[in-house]
Amino acid sequence: MGMGTRARAIVGGGMAALGAVFTAAPAWAAGDLVGQPTPGGLGLQPAASPLKVEAHQFHDFVLMPIITAICLLVLGLLIWIVIRYNKKSNPTPARWSHNTLIEVIWTVVPVLILVFIALFSFRLLFAYHDMPTPDLTVKATGNQWNWAYEYPDQGIAEYISNMLPEDEAQAQNVPYRLAADEPIVVPVGKTVRVLVTAADVIHAFALPAFGLKVDAVPGRVNETWFRADRTGVFYGQCSELCGVDHAFMPIQINVVTQAEFEAWVASKGGSMTPAAAPGGTAAQAAAGTEGEGARNVASDATGAAAAAPAGQPPADTGAVDGSPSAASAPAVPDTAAAPAAQ
């Protein structure tokens, strides 16, 4: 067997193996675990939210074809240069060292490629930025080294979420170093706003199945959102190197039905009625303040009527804002008429 025949056999075998890999990939993808890494899996975790679906499409149909085409082009150029311009095939090298046309091409073409990618990338970034009206707000605070969660709209005070010890994780048949003792619980199909901050150093709130990754910075509140399209348990981790126990800050989100979420809120001492929760929206807080002011005015008027002497009308309380009226103002002596009366 000559050198060329052996080379063709090696290349043919490699192409066959590569084809087998891509042929088997859909079968592997079908067996991927949802919400957590799959041992030996290929590609991204299965998407469980609309944002992550768009991120998959951007990766699979925009980035991958461009990267593949660039890699094949560069590989072809290298092979062509090795064969065409080796010492045996080209013993006398050319004396020129610049080509204006080639330099313009390899400057302009990458710019056009990046502009093409940006058209799809910005669309995805805008989708992350333009959050729909949220149904639920969760505040996540990164600590060294755990997460603290709070539900202001339901009046659930901050609670700490730590990694499950290995023996407990094995007993519950959940992934060690991903499962947490106090997870985030949200209802399926609802828009969840996540306010992310940190108490000490920079952390990062990341959960692959929902396409979440946002920095937790001390003294700053960042915002992201997701809407789970299925129930289940989904795992993430802190993805910013934050110290010696950085690897032990798991994020667990349990997506449940609305009835299960309401039961969980009740078990945490919260309320599904926003007006009864101390952390309602700004509109709810304003409405509550106005109602309190009206009650105070009514109470003052009732007290004034009760305190008035018998047979006399109650004092005029004036305008609604509490300012005295002209009838209730004290009499001022007429200094001009006083000498004439004397």
Foldseek 3Di string as FASTA:
>chain_A
DDPVVVVVVVVVVVVVVVVVCVVCLVVLLVVADAQDGDVVHDDFHAAFFPLLVLVVCLVPPQVVVVVVVVVVVVVVVVVCCCVCPDCVNNVDDDDDDDDVVVVVCVVVVVVVSVVVSVVSVVVSVVVFVPADDFPFEKEWEQEVHEIWIDTQQFQQDIDTKWFDDPVVCVVVVHDHLWDIPDAAEDEAQGKYKYKAAYDPAKWWDDFRNFGGTDIHYHPDIDIGITHGHDFDKHKDATPDPDDDCRSGYMHIYGYHHPVVVQVVSVVSVTHPDSLPGNRHDPVSVVVVVVVVLVVVLVVVVVVQQVPDDPPDGGADQPDSVRDHDPVNDDDDDDPVCVVVVD
